[in-house]
PDB file of N, CA and C in Angstrom:
ATOM      1  N   MET A   1       2.363   8.767  -5.769  1.00  0.00           N
ATOM      2  CA  MET A   1       2.636   8.998  -4.358  1.00  0.00           C
ATOM      3  C   MET A   1       3.282   7.760  -3.490  1.00  0.00           C
ATOM      4  N   SER A   2       4.227   7.786  -2.681  1.00  0.00           N
ATOM      5  CA  SER A   2       4.596   6.655  -2.005  1.00  0.00           C
ATOM      6  C   SER A   2       4.525   6.928  -0.455  1.00  0.00           C
ATOM      7  N   LEU A   3       3.955   5.910   0.203  1.00  0.00           N
ATOM      8  CA  LEU A   3       3.808   6.196   1.685  1.00  0.00           C
ATOM      9  C   LEU A   3       4.858   4.964   2.280  1.00  0.00           C
ATOM     10  N   MET A   4       5.397   5.408   3.498  1.00  0.00           N
ATOM     11  CA  MET A   4       6.187   4.433   4.085  1.00  0.00           C
ATOM     12  C   MET A   4       5.315   3.911   5.390  1.00  0.00           C
ATOM     13  N   ALA A   5       4.895   2.656   5.505  1.00  0.00           N
ATOM     14  CA  ALA A   5       4.051   2.201   6.555  1.00  0.00           C
ATOM     15  C   ALA A   5       4.728   0.927   7.355  1.00  0.00           C
ATOM     16  N   ASP A   6       4.095   0.730   8.429  1.00  0.00           N
ATOM     17  CA  ASP A   6       5.014  -0.233   9.460  1.00  0.00           C
ATOM     18  C   ASP A   6       3.973  -1.433   9.715  1.00  0.00           C
ATOM     19  N   ASP A   7       2.703  -1.452   9.343  1.00  0.00           N
ATOM     20  CA  ASP A   7       1.880  -2.595   9.604  1.00  0.00           C
ATOM     21  C   ASP A   7       1.217  -3.004   8.532  1.00  0.00           C
ATOM     22  N   GLU A   8       1.887  -3.969   7.816  1.00  0.00           N
ATOM     23  CA  GLU A   8       1.466  -4.404   6.438  1.00  0.00           C
ATOM     24  C   GLU A   8      -0.012  -5.038   6.271  1.00  0.00           C
ATOM     25  N   GLN A   9       0.032  -5.648   7.284  1.00  0.00           N
ATOM     26  CA  GLN A   9      -1.577  -6.385   7.244  1.00  0.00           C
ATOM     27  C   GLN A   9      -2.706  -5.261   7.285  1.00  0.00           C
ATOM     28  N   ARG A  10      -2.625  -4.498   8.366  1.00  0.00           N
ATOM     29  CA  ARG A  10      -3.515  -3.423   8.461  1.00  0.00           C
ATOM     30  C   ARG A  10      -3.714  -2.349   7.152  1.00  0.00           C
ATOM     31  N   MET A  11      -2.504  -1.951   6.682  1.00  0.00           N
ATOM     32  CA  MET A  11      -2.434  -1.036   5.908  1.00  0.00           C
ATOM     33  C   MET A  11      -3.053  -1.580   4.356  1.00  0.00           C
ATOM     34  N   ARG A  12      -2.430  -2.924   4.065  1.00  0.00           N
ATOM     35  CA  ARG A  12      -3.059  -3.356   2.835  1.00  0.00           C
ATOM     36  C   ARG A  12      -4.576  -3.841   3.066  1.00  0.00           C
ATOM     37  N   SER A  13      -5.048  -4.168   4.233  1.00  0.00           N
ATOM     38  CA  SER A  13      -6.510  -4.407   3.944  1.00  0.00           C
ATOM     39  C   SER A  13      -7.196  -3.095   4.134  1.00  0.00           C
ATOM     40  N   PHE A  14      -6.732  -2.018   4.622  1.00  0.00           N
ATOM     41  CA  PHE A  14      -7.449  -0.717   4.607  1.00  0.00           C
ATOM     42  C   PHE A  14      -7.479  -0.235   3.090  1.00  0.00           C
ATOM     43  N   TYR A  15      -6.504  -0.184   2.439  1.00  0.00           N
ATOM     44  CA  TYR A  15      -6.391   0.253   0.995  1.00  0.00           C
ATOM     45  C   TYR A  15      -7.230  -0.656  -0.064  1.00  0.00           C
ATOM     46  N   ARG A  16      -6.966  -1.953   0.286  1.00  0.00           N
ATOM     47  CA  ARG A  16      -7.767  -2.906  -0.503  1.00  0.00           C
ATOM     48  C   ARG A  16      -9.189  -3.116  -0.229  1.00  0.00           C
ATOM     49  N   ASP A  17      -9.314  -3.419   1.039  1.00  0.00           N
ATOM     50  CA  ASP A  17     -10.825  -3.969   1.368  1.00  0.00           C
ATOM     51  C   ASP A  17     -11.743  -2.750   1.822  1.00  0.00           C
ATOM     52  N   MET A  18     -11.186  -1.661   2.580  1.00  0.00           N
ATOM     53  CA  MET A  18     -11.979  -0.739   3.005  1.00  0.00           C
ATOM     54  C   MET A  18     -12.099   0.362   1.971  1.00  0.00           C
ATOM     55  N   LEU A  19     -11.141   0.761   1.121  1.00  0.00           N
ATOM     56  CA  LEU A  19     -11.088   1.711   0.104  1.00  0.00           C
ATOM     57  C   LEU A  19     -11.518   1.075  -1.270  1.00  0.00           C
ATOM     58  N   GLY A  20     -11.369  -0.115  -1.412  1.00  0.00           N
ATOM     59  CA  GLY A  20     -11.653  -0.655  -2.708  1.00  0.00           C
ATOM     60  C   GLY A  20     -10.550  -0.460  -3.813  1.00  0.00           C
ATOM     61  N   LEU A  21      -9.351  -0.294  -3.400  1.00  0.00           N
ATOM     62  CA  LEU A  21      -8.324   0.005  -4.412  1.00  0.00           C
ATOM     63  C   LEU A  21      -7.847  -1.431  -4.918  1.00  0.00           C
ATOM     64  N   VAL A  22      -7.330  -1.550  -5.985  1.00  0.00           N
ATOM     65  CA  VAL A  22      -6.859  -2.699  -6.588  1.00  0.00           C
ATOM     66  C   VAL A  22      -5.197  -2.873  -6.411  1.00  0.00           C
ATOM     67  N   GLU A  23      -4.916  -3.977  -5.980  1.00  0.00           N
ATOM     68  CA  GLU A  23      -3.315  -4.158  -5.890  1.00  0.00           C
ATOM     69  C   GLU A  23      -2.776  -4.578  -7.202  1.00  0.00           C
ATOM     70  N   LYS A  24      -2.075  -3.693  -7.757  1.00  0.00           N
ATOM     71  CA  LYS A  24      -1.539  -3.716  -9.124  1.00  0.00           C
ATOM     72  C   LYS A  24      -0.210  -4.577  -9.160  1.00  0.00           C
ATOM     73  N   GLU A  25       0.692  -3.937  -8.371  1.00  0.00           N
ATOM     74  CA  GLU A  25       2.053  -4.486  -8.384  1.00  0.00           C
ATOM     75  C   GLU A  25       2.608  -4.870  -7.060  1.00  0.00           C
ATOM     76  N   GLN A  26       3.364  -5.910  -6.823  1.00  0.00           N
ATOM     77  CA  GLN A  26       3.890  -6.116  -5.533  1.00  0.00           C
ATOM     78  C   GLN A  26       5.372  -6.544  -5.628  1.00  0.00           C
ATOM     79  N   SER A  27       6.132  -6.392  -4.629  1.00  0.00           N
ATOM     80  CA  SER A  27       7.375  -7.033  -4.387  1.00  0.00           C
ATOM     81  C   SER A  27       7.320  -7.326  -2.952  1.00  0.00           C
ATOM     82  N   GLN A  28       8.569  -7.603  -2.564  1.00  0.00           N
ATOM     83  CA  GLN A  28       8.823  -8.308  -1.196  1.00  0.00           C
ATOM     84  C   GLN A  28       8.392  -7.192  -0.113  1.00  0.00           C
ATOM     85  N   SER A  29       8.590  -5.996  -0.336  1.00  0.00           N
ATOM     86  CA  SER A  29       8.303  -4.956   0.651  1.00  0.00           C
ATOM     87  C   SER A  29       7.382  -3.618   0.119  1.00  0.00           C
ATOM     88  N   GLN A  30       6.891  -3.783  -1.066  1.00  0.00           N
ATOM     89  CA  GLN A  30       6.199  -2.713  -1.727  1.00  0.00           C
ATOM     90  C   GLN A  30       4.852  -3.353  -2.399  1.00  0.00           C
ATOM     91  N   PHE A  31       3.663  -2.586  -2.307  1.00  0.00           N
ATOM     92  CA  PHE A  31       2.487  -2.727  -3.035  1.00  0.00           C
ATOM     93  C   PHE A  31       1.972  -1.507  -3.545  1.00  0.00           C
ATOM     94  N   SER A  32       1.518  -1.644  -4.842  1.00  0.00           N
ATOM     95  CA  SER A  32       1.073  -0.396  -5.583  1.00  0.00           C
ATOM     96  C   SER A  32      -0.432  -0.680  -5.758  1.00  0.00           C
ATOM     97  N   TYR A  33      -1.264   0.505  -5.810  1.00  0.00           N
ATOM     98  CA  TYR A  33      -2.667   0.352  -5.876  1.00  0.00           C
ATOM     99  C   TYR A  33      -3.046   1.310  -6.964  1.00  0.00           C
ATOM    100  N   ALA A  34      -4.183   0.853  -7.683  1.00  0.00           N
ATOM    101  CA  ALA A  34      -4.921   1.705  -8.622  1.00  0.00           C
ATOM    102  C   ALA A  34      -6.431   1.525  -8.294  1.00  0.00           C
ATOM    103  N   PHE A  35      -7.234   2.584  -8.996  1.00  0.00           N
ATOM    104  CA  PHE A  35      -8.541   2.699  -8.769  1.00  0.00           C
ATOM    105  C   PHE A  35      -9.397   1.342  -9.568  1.00  0.00           C
ATOM    106  N   THR A  36      -8.743   0.898 -10.705  1.00  0.00           N
ATOM    107  CA  THR A  36      -9.494  -0.220 -11.451  1.00  0.00           C
ATOM    108  C   THR A  36      -8.093  -1.216 -11.918  1.00  0.00           C
ATOM    109  N   HIS A  37      -8.564  -2.222 -12.347  1.00  0.00           N
ATOM    110  CA  HIS A  37      -7.727  -3.140 -12.876  1.00  0.00           C
ATOM    111  C   HIS A  37      -6.970  -2.394 -14.167  1.00  0.00           C
ATOM    112  N   GLN A  38      -7.601  -1.547 -14.960  1.00  0.00           N
ATOM    113  CA  GLN A  38      -7.075  -0.968 -16.218  1.00  0.00           C
ATOM    114  C   GLN A  38      -6.298   0.087 -15.838  1.00  0.00           C
ATOM    115  N   ASP A  39      -6.348   0.924 -14.760  1.00  0.00           N
ATOM    116  CA  ASP A  39      -5.644   2.164 -14.297  1.00  0.00           C
ATOM    117  C   ASP A  39      -4.152   1.849 -13.975  1.00  0.00           C
ATOM    118  N   GLN A  40      -3.419   2.761 -14.131  1.00  0.00           N
ATOM    119  CA  GLN A  40      -1.834   2.681 -13.875  1.00  0.00           C
ATOM    120  C   GLN A  40      -2.139   2.861 -12.240  1.00  0.00           C
ATOM    121  N   PRO A  41      -0.963   2.418 -11.607  1.00  0.00           N
ATOM    122  CA  PRO A  41      -0.858   2.582 -10.043  1.00  0.00           C
ATOM    123  C   PRO A  41      -0.684   4.012  -9.778  1.00  0.00           C
ATOM    124  N   PHE A  42      -1.265   4.583  -8.647  1.00  0.00           N
ATOM    125  CA  PHE A  42      -0.995   5.874  -8.119  1.00  0.00           C
ATOM    126  C   PHE A  42      -0.558   6.145  -6.810  1.00  0.00           C
ATOM    127  N   LEU A  43      -0.456   4.914  -6.120  1.00  0.00           N
ATOM    128  CA  LEU A  43      -0.044   4.900  -4.805  1.00  0.00           C
ATOM    129  C   LEU A  43       0.910   3.625  -4.449  1.00  0.00           C
ATOM    130  N   THR A  44       1.913   3.825  -3.832  1.00  0.00           N
ATOM    131  CA  THR A  44       2.793   2.729  -3.534  1.00  0.00           C
ATOM    132  C   THR A  44       3.095   2.805  -2.106  1.00  0.00           C
ATOM    133  N   LEU A  45       2.669   1.467  -1.273  1.00  0.00           N
ATOM    134  CA  LEU A  45       3.038   1.412   0.181  1.00  0.00           C
ATOM    135  C   LEU A  45       4.318   0.670   0.334  1.00  0.00           C
ATOM    136  N   SER A  46       5.254   1.090   0.864  1.00  0.00           N
ATOM    137  CA  SER A  46       6.475   0.700   1.274  1.00  0.00           C
ATOM    138  C   SER A  46       6.688   0.190   2.712  1.00  0.00           C
ATOM    139  N   PHE A  47       6.910  -0.941   2.981  1.00  0.00           N
ATOM    140  CA  PHE A  47       7.164  -1.516   4.392  1.00  0.00           C
ATOM    141  C   PHE A  47       8.654  -1.895   4.591  1.00  0.00           C
ATOM    142  N   SER A  48       9.209  -1.176   5.569  1.00  0.00           N
ATOM    143  CA  SER A  48      10.615  -1.157   5.953  1.00  0.00           C
ATOM    144  C   SER A  48      10.825  -2.205   6.907  1.00  0.00           C
ATOM    145  N   GLY A  49       9.625  -2.496   7.801  1.00  0.00           N
ATOM    146  CA  GLY A  49       9.935  -3.700   8.853  1.00  0.00           C
ATOM    147  C   GLY A  49      10.183  -2.833  10.269  1.00  0.00           C
ATOM    148  N   GLN A  50      10.038  -1.520  10.206  1.00  0.00           N
ATOM    149  CA  GLN A  50      10.509  -0.620  11.285  1.00  0.00           C
ATOM    150  C   GLN A  50       9.248   0.342  11.594  1.00  0.00           C
ATOM    151  N   LYS A  51       8.946   0.420  12.740  1.00  0.00           N
ATOM    152  CA  LYS A  51       7.887   1.373  13.141  1.00  0.00           C
ATOM    153  C   LYS A  51       8.560   2.724  12.851  1.00  0.00           C
ATOM    154  N   THR A  52       7.919   3.682  12.618  1.00  0.00           N
ATOM    155  CA  THR A  52       8.053   5.117  12.571  1.00  0.00           C
ATOM    156  C   THR A  52       7.887   5.723  13.949  1.00  0.00           C
ATOM    157  N   ALA A  53       8.555   6.718  14.221  1.00  0.00           N
ATOM    158  CA  ALA A  53       8.310   7.379  15.535  1.00  0.00           C
ATOM    159  C   ALA A  53       6.980   8.255  15.599  1.00  0.00           C
ATOM    160  N   GLN A  54       6.165   8.070  16.638  1.00  0.00           N
ATOM    161  CA  GLN A  54       4.939   8.844  16.603  1.00  0.00           C
ATOM    162  C   GLN A  54       5.204  10.230  17.351  1.00  0.00           C
ATOM    163  N   GLN A  55       4.533  11.189  16.721  1.00  0.00           N
ATOM    164  CA  GLN A  55       4.527  12.496  17.176  1.00  0.00           C
ATOM    165  C   GLN A  55       3.193  13.030  17.989  1.00  0.00           C
TER     166      GLN A  55
END
């Protein structure tokens, strides 16, 4: 699953620190998460640097 996000610091902190997911892979604008260090990533956050429209 991939999610677009706009606040890198808050989103990374939420998934890593609050939910306890492991950052497995990262690039300049994407971070992938797994449940443990042995698991394959199941979630990727993509940061475009642009805020999305709020509804």
